Amino acid sequence: MTDEEIIQGIRAGGREQERCVNHLFTAHKGLVGHGMGKYGLGEDAAIDAFSDAVLGLRKQILADKFRGESKLSTYLFTIFSRRCVDQTRKKTTHGLTTTSEYPEVADQEPGIERKMFTQEAFDRLMGFMNQLGEVCREILMYRYYWGYEDMAEIAELVGAKNANTAGSLRHRCMKQLMKIVGQS
């Protein structure tokens, strides 16, 4: 099926929507193994993340939030990756205690000293972030680490009422983080 056929089928509803969603599940089931390998998820957690991602894609299409700037498979992979990160967070009980779950930031200058400084600074920042509440950590990570620009999307991910609320929270969280950094 083409992306356009899937989009039209999901929007049509009923049996056509069911057929298209089933197609997505079948065509992209390999993502479950990816989630188990890359994110270290168990099979059940990877299946949950995959199911959430397919249903999330369906929801995005029905809400006209999928703009067609990428292929459906790319968009689904992005949603799935985010769900895997969420599943990984659920496994940890003490917040952000390790940097192993985050991709390495490309080093602009080669050299072991630069890499050590970057890792040390990141670990120190994560220590400060752990002093924030969970919602503040999530908002700041989504915005500044993962690079989410759309506050409405961040609001949805963290369960905030709307983009304005998420923006206000981001501002307060950043002030709180700066206060913590200043006290160290």
C-alpha atoms as a PDB file:
ATOM      1  CA  MET A   1       0.000   0.000   0.000  1.00  0.00           C
ATOM      2  CA  THR A   2       1.186   3.522  -0.671  1.00  0.00           C
ATOM      3  CA  ASP A   3       1.336   6.188   2.018  1.00  0.00           C
ATOM      4  CA  GLU A   4      -1.567   8.025   0.399  1.00  0.00           C
ATOM      5  CA  GLU A   5      -3.695   4.855   0.347  1.00  0.00           C
ATOM      6  CA  ILE A   6      -2.985   4.271   4.024  1.00  0.00           C
ATOM      7  CA  ILE A   7      -3.796   7.875   4.947  1.00  0.00           C
ATOM      8  CA  GLN A   8      -7.048   7.847   2.956  1.00  0.00           C
ATOM      9  CA  GLY A   9      -7.989   4.448   4.385  1.00  0.00           C
ATOM     10  CA  ILE A  10      -7.436   5.569   7.972  1.00  0.00           C
ATOM     11  CA  ARG A  11      -9.452   8.711   7.363  1.00  0.00           C
ATOM     12  CA  ALA A  12     -12.247   6.653   5.778  1.00  0.00           C
ATOM     13  CA  GLY A  13     -12.828   4.815   9.048  1.00  0.00           C
ATOM     14  CA  GLY A  14     -14.525   1.486   9.571  1.00  0.00           C
ATOM     15  CA  ARG A  15     -13.175  -1.650   7.929  1.00  0.00           C
ATOM     16  CA  GLU A  16     -10.901   0.345   5.632  1.00  0.00           C
ATOM     17  CA  GLN A  17      -9.230   1.970   8.619  1.00  0.00           C
ATOM     18  CA  GLU A  18      -8.865  -1.393  10.317  1.00  0.00           C
ATOM     19  CA  ARG A  19      -7.297  -2.856   7.167  1.00  0.00           C
ATOM     20  CA  CYS A  20      -4.781   0.003   6.926  1.00  0.00           C
ATOM     21  CA  VAL A  21      -3.847  -0.173  10.625  1.00  0.00           C
ATOM     22  CA  ASN A  22      -3.387  -3.946  10.312  1.00  0.00           C
ATOM     23  CA  HIS A  23      -1.174  -3.316   7.286  1.00  0.00           C
ATOM     24  CA  LEU A  24       0.995  -0.957   9.379  1.00  0.00           C
ATOM     25  CA  PHE A  25       1.290  -3.584  12.121  1.00  0.00           C
ATOM     26  CA  THR A  26       2.296  -6.265   9.629  1.00  0.00           C
ATOM     27  CA  ALA A  27       4.600  -4.170   7.442  1.00  0.00           C
ATOM     28  CA  HIS A  28       6.569  -2.681  10.334  1.00  0.00           C
ATOM     29  CA  LYS A  29       6.597  -5.486  12.914  1.00  0.00           C
ATOM     30  CA  GLY A  30      10.400  -5.598  12.624  1.00  0.00           C
ATOM     31  CA  LEU A  31      10.496  -2.480  14.787  1.00  0.00           C
ATOM     32  CA  VAL A  32       9.793  -4.686  17.811  1.00  0.00           C
ATOM     33  CA  GLY A  33      13.197  -6.343  17.385  1.00  0.00           C
ATOM     34  CA  HIS A  34      14.787  -2.928  16.894  1.00  0.00           C
ATOM     35  CA  GLY A  35      13.299  -1.759  20.196  1.00  0.00           C
ATOM     36  CA  MET A  36      14.585  -4.842  21.971  1.00  0.00           C
ATOM     37  CA  GLY A  37      18.074  -4.436  20.519  1.00  0.00           C
ATOM     38  CA  LYS A  38      18.691  -0.696  20.533  1.00  0.00           C
ATOM     39  CA  TYR A  39      16.763   0.232  23.664  1.00  0.00           C
ATOM     40  CA  GLY A  40      17.220  -2.996  25.623  1.00  0.00           C
ATOM     41  CA  LEU A  41      13.483  -3.476  26.046  1.00  0.00           C
ATOM     42  CA  GLY A  42      11.903  -6.792  26.834  1.00  0.00           C
ATOM     43  CA  GLU A  43       9.601  -8.257  24.216  1.00  0.00           C
ATOM     44  CA  ASP A  44       6.422  -7.109  25.996  1.00  0.00           C
ATOM     45  CA  ALA A  45       7.697  -3.544  26.416  1.00  0.00           C
ATOM     46  CA  ALA A  46       8.830  -3.404  22.780  1.00  0.00           C
ATOM     47  CA  ILE A  47       5.441  -4.693  21.611  1.00  0.00           C
ATOM     48  CA  ASP A  48       3.705  -2.082  23.797  1.00  0.00           C
ATOM     49  CA  ALA A  49       5.882   0.674  22.324  1.00  0.00           C
ATOM     50  CA  PHE A  50       5.175  -0.569  18.796  1.00  0.00           C
ATOM     51  CA  SER A  51       1.411  -0.781  19.377  1.00  0.00           C
ATOM     52  CA  ASP A  52       1.390   2.694  20.919  1.00  0.00           C
ATOM     53  CA  ALA A  53       3.357   4.018  17.954  1.00  0.00           C
ATOM     54  CA  VAL A  54       0.991   2.586  15.321  1.00  0.00           C
ATOM     55  CA  LEU A  55      -2.051   3.843  17.217  1.00  0.00           C
ATOM     56  CA  GLY A  56      -0.319   7.183  17.743  1.00  0.00           C
ATOM     57  CA  LEU A  57       0.293   7.453  13.999  1.00  0.00           C
ATOM     58  CA  ARG A  58      -3.389   6.680  13.389  1.00  0.00           C
ATOM     59  CA  LYS A  59      -4.338   9.418  15.854  1.00  0.00           C
ATOM     60  CA  GLN A  60      -1.980  11.907  14.180  1.00  0.00           C
ATOM     61  CA  ILE A  61      -3.501  11.156  10.760  1.00  0.00           C
ATOM     62  CA  LEU A  62      -7.064  11.489  12.048  1.00  0.00           C
ATOM     63  CA  ALA A  63      -6.211  14.805  13.727  1.00  0.00           C
ATOM     64  CA  ASP A  64      -4.595  16.069  10.497  1.00  0.00           C
ATOM     65  CA  LYS A  65      -1.281  16.476  12.314  1.00  0.00           C
ATOM     66  CA  PHE A  66       0.666  14.373   9.822  1.00  0.00           C
ATOM     67  CA  ARG A  67       1.831  16.949   7.293  1.00  0.00           C
ATOM     68  CA  GLY A  68       3.376  14.543   4.805  1.00  0.00           C
ATOM     69  CA  GLU A  69       6.866  16.048   5.143  1.00  0.00           C
ATOM     70  CA  SER A  70       8.266  12.562   5.541  1.00  0.00           C
ATOM     71  CA  LYS A  71       7.266   9.042   4.594  1.00  0.00           C
ATOM     72  CA  LEU A  72       4.784   7.328   6.901  1.00  0.00           C
ATOM     73  CA  SER A  73       7.433   4.738   7.769  1.00  0.00           C
ATOM     74  CA  THR A  74       9.829   7.487   8.907  1.00  0.00           C
ATOM     75  CA  TYR A  75       7.124   9.174  10.942  1.00  0.00           C
ATOM     76  CA  LEU A  76       6.142   5.842  12.513  1.00  0.00           C
ATOM     77  CA  PHE A  77       9.789   5.109  13.330  1.00  0.00           C
ATOM     78  CA  THR A  78      10.097   8.493  15.077  1.00  0.00           C
ATOM     79  CA  ILE A  79       6.985   7.889  17.170  1.00  0.00           C
ATOM     80  CA  PHE A  80       8.189   4.359  17.951  1.00  0.00           C
ATOM     81  CA  SER A  81      11.608   5.626  19.067  1.00  0.00           C
ATOM     82  CA  ARG A  82       9.960   8.101  21.427  1.00  0.00           C
ATOM     83  CA  ARG A  83       7.764   5.358  22.862  1.00  0.00           C
ATOM     84  CA  CYS A  84      10.860   3.204  23.412  1.00  0.00           C
ATOM     85  CA  VAL A  85      12.493   6.049  25.319  1.00  0.00           C
ATOM     86  CA  ASP A  86       9.306   6.314  27.400  1.00  0.00           C
ATOM     87  CA  GLN A  87       9.440   2.562  28.083  1.00  0.00           C
ATOM     88  CA  THR A  88      13.107   2.878  29.067  1.00  0.00           C
ATOM     89  CA  ARG A  89      12.195   5.657  31.491  1.00  0.00           C
ATOM     90  CA  LYS A  90       9.533   3.458  33.062  1.00  0.00           C
ATOM     91  CA  LYS A  91      12.222   0.854  33.802  1.00  0.00           C
ATOM     92  CA  THR A  92      14.365   3.320  35.738  1.00  0.00           C
ATOM     93  CA  THR A  93      13.202   4.234  39.214  1.00  0.00           C
ATOM     94  CA  HIS A  94      15.625   7.015  40.025  1.00  0.00           C
ATOM     95  CA  GLY A  95      15.180   9.368  37.086  1.00  0.00           C
ATOM     96  CA  LEU A  96      18.093  10.161  34.821  1.00  0.00           C
ATOM     97  CA  THR A  97      21.018   8.368  36.367  1.00  0.00           C
ATOM     98  CA  THR A  98      22.857   7.242  33.274  1.00  0.00           C
ATOM     99  CA  THR A  99      23.660   8.704  29.909  1.00  0.00           C
ATOM    100  CA  SER A 100      23.680   5.359  28.134  1.00  0.00           C
ATOM    101  CA  GLU A 101      20.064   5.740  27.001  1.00  0.00           C
ATOM    102  CA  TYR A 102      20.823   8.934  25.077  1.00  0.00           C
ATOM    103  CA  PRO A 103      22.597   9.083  21.768  1.00  0.00           C
ATOM    104  CA  GLU A 104      26.024  10.628  21.806  1.00  0.00           C
ATOM    105  CA  VAL A 105      26.229  14.188  20.608  1.00  0.00           C
ATOM    106  CA  ALA A 106      28.597  14.558  17.676  1.00  0.00           C
ATOM    107  CA  ASP A 107      31.854  16.077  18.888  1.00  0.00           C
ATOM    108  CA  GLN A 108      32.819  19.133  16.881  1.00  0.00           C
ATOM    109  CA  GLU A 109      36.485  18.898  17.860  1.00  0.00           C
ATOM    110  CA  PRO A 110      38.314  15.587  17.904  1.00  0.00           C
ATOM    111  CA  GLY A 111      40.379  14.571  20.874  1.00  0.00           C
ATOM    112  CA  ILE A 112      39.944  12.630  24.086  1.00  0.00           C
ATOM    113  CA  GLU A 113      40.114  15.756  26.252  1.00  0.00           C
ATOM    114  CA  ARG A 114      37.164  17.297  24.452  1.00  0.00           C
ATOM    115  CA  LYS A 115      35.164  14.081  24.727  1.00  0.00           C
ATOM    116  CA  MET A 116      35.910  13.781  28.437  1.00  0.00           C
ATOM    117  CA  PHE A 117      34.904  17.386  29.049  1.00  0.00           C
ATOM    118  CA  THR A 118      31.670  16.957  27.084  1.00  0.00           C
ATOM    119  CA  GLN A 119      30.743  13.759  28.940  1.00  0.00           C
ATOM    120  CA  GLU A 120      31.645  15.279  32.305  1.00  0.00           C
ATOM    121  CA  ALA A 121      29.572  18.403  31.590  1.00  0.00           C
ATOM    122  CA  PHE A 122      26.635  16.299  30.431  1.00  0.00           C
ATOM    123  CA  ASP A 123      26.797  14.095  33.542  1.00  0.00           C
ATOM    124  CA  ARG A 124      26.918  17.198  35.738  1.00  0.00           C
ATOM    125  CA  LEU A 125      23.919  18.686  33.936  1.00  0.00           C
ATOM    126  CA  MET A 126      21.997  15.420  34.405  1.00  0.00           C
ATOM    127  CA  GLY A 127      22.754  15.650  38.130  1.00  0.00           C
ATOM    128  CA  PHE A 128      21.131  19.079  38.167  1.00  0.00           C
ATOM    129  CA  MET A 129      18.223  17.824  36.065  1.00  0.00           C
ATOM    130  CA  ASN A 130      17.597  15.016  38.562  1.00  0.00           C
ATOM    131  CA  GLN A 131      16.862  17.687  41.163  1.00  0.00           C
ATOM    132  CA  LEU A 132      13.899  18.867  39.085  1.00  0.00           C
ATOM    133  CA  GLY A 133      10.500  17.206  39.071  1.00  0.00           C
ATOM    134  CA  GLU A 134       9.716  14.607  36.420  1.00  0.00           C
ATOM    135  CA  VAL A 135       7.597  16.939  34.266  1.00  0.00           C
ATOM    136  CA  CYS A 136      10.308  19.624  34.284  1.00  0.00           C
ATOM    137  CA  ARG A 137      12.950  17.072  33.312  1.00  0.00           C
ATOM    138  CA  GLU A 138      10.796  15.775  30.473  1.00  0.00           C
ATOM    139  CA  ILE A 139       9.920  19.215  29.106  1.00  0.00           C
ATOM    140  CA  LEU A 140      13.524  20.395  29.136  1.00  0.00           C
ATOM    141  CA  MET A 141      14.836  17.149  27.643  1.00  0.00           C
ATOM    142  CA  TYR A 142      12.242  17.156  24.862  1.00  0.00           C
ATOM    143  CA  ARG A 143      12.901  20.800  24.028  1.00  0.00           C
ATOM    144  CA  TYR A 144      16.652  21.157  24.450  1.00  0.00           C
ATOM    145  CA  TYR A 145      18.098  17.670  24.138  1.00  0.00           C
ATOM    146  CA  TRP A 146      15.775  15.934  21.684  1.00  0.00           C
ATOM    147  CA  GLY A 147      15.175  19.168  19.759  1.00  0.00           C
ATOM    148  CA  TYR A 148      11.384  19.301  19.745  1.00  0.00           C
ATOM    149  CA  GLU A 149      10.343  22.748  18.504  1.00  0.00           C
ATOM    150  CA  ASP A 150       6.559  22.439  18.682  1.00  0.00           C
ATOM    151  CA  MET A 151       5.333  23.176  22.209  1.00  0.00           C
ATOM    152  CA  ALA A 152       1.947  21.631  21.347  1.00  0.00           C
ATOM    153  CA  GLU A 153       3.724  18.331  20.671  1.00  0.00           C
ATOM    154  CA  ILE A 154       5.684  18.643  23.916  1.00  0.00           C
ATOM    155  CA  ALA A 155       2.431  19.417  25.751  1.00  0.00           C
ATOM    156  CA  GLU A 156       0.918  16.201  24.407  1.00  0.00           C
ATOM    157  CA  LEU A 157       3.993  14.153  25.337  1.00  0.00           C
ATOM    158  CA  VAL A 158       4.107  15.395  28.942  1.00  0.00           C
ATOM    159  CA  GLY A 159       0.347  15.611  29.473  1.00  0.00           C
ATOM    160  CA  ALA A 160       0.128  19.406  29.700  1.00  0.00           C
ATOM    161  CA  LYS A 161      -3.168  21.141  28.877  1.00  0.00           C
ATOM    162  CA  ASN A 162      -1.909  22.942  25.758  1.00  0.00           C
ATOM    163  CA  ALA A 163       1.125  24.583  24.120  1.00  0.00           C
ATOM    164  CA  ASN A 164       0.816  27.742  26.233  1.00  0.00           C
ATOM    165  CA  THR A 165       0.816  25.726  29.447  1.00  0.00           C
ATOM    166  CA  ALA A 166       3.827  23.713  28.282  1.00  0.00           C
ATOM    167  CA  GLY A 167       5.627  26.951  27.327  1.00  0.00           C
ATOM    168  CA  SER A 168       4.957  28.469  30.745  1.00  0.00           C
ATOM    169  CA  LEU A 169       6.130  25.280  32.419  1.00  0.00           C
ATOM    170  CA  ARG A 170       9.280  25.279  30.278  1.00  0.00           C
ATOM    171  CA  HIS A 171      10.043  28.835  31.343  1.00  0.00           C
ATOM    172  CA  ARG A 172       9.492  28.045  35.057  1.00  0.00           C
ATOM    173  CA  CYS A 173      11.469  24.810  34.795  1.00  0.00           C
ATOM    174  CA  MET A 174      14.378  26.615  33.147  1.00  0.00           C
ATOM    175  CA  LYS A 175      14.367  29.244  35.913  1.00  0.00           C
ATOM    176  CA  GLN A 176      14.321  26.456  38.497  1.00  0.00           C
ATOM    177  CA  LEU A 177      17.222  24.694  36.756  1.00  0.00           C
ATOM    178  CA  MET A 178      19.235  27.916  36.596  1.00  0.00           C
ATOM    179  CA  LYS A 179      18.643  28.413  40.325  1.00  0.00           C
ATOM    180  CA  ILE A 180      19.894  24.884  41.054  1.00  0.00           C
ATOM    181  CA  VAL A 181      22.958  25.401  38.836  1.00  0.00           C
ATOM    182  CA  GLY A 182      23.660  28.728  40.569  1.00  0.00           C
ATOM    183  CA  GLN A 183      23.588  27.089  44.006  1.00  0.00           C
ATOM    184  CA  SER A 184      26.235  24.528  43.102  1.00  0.00           C
END
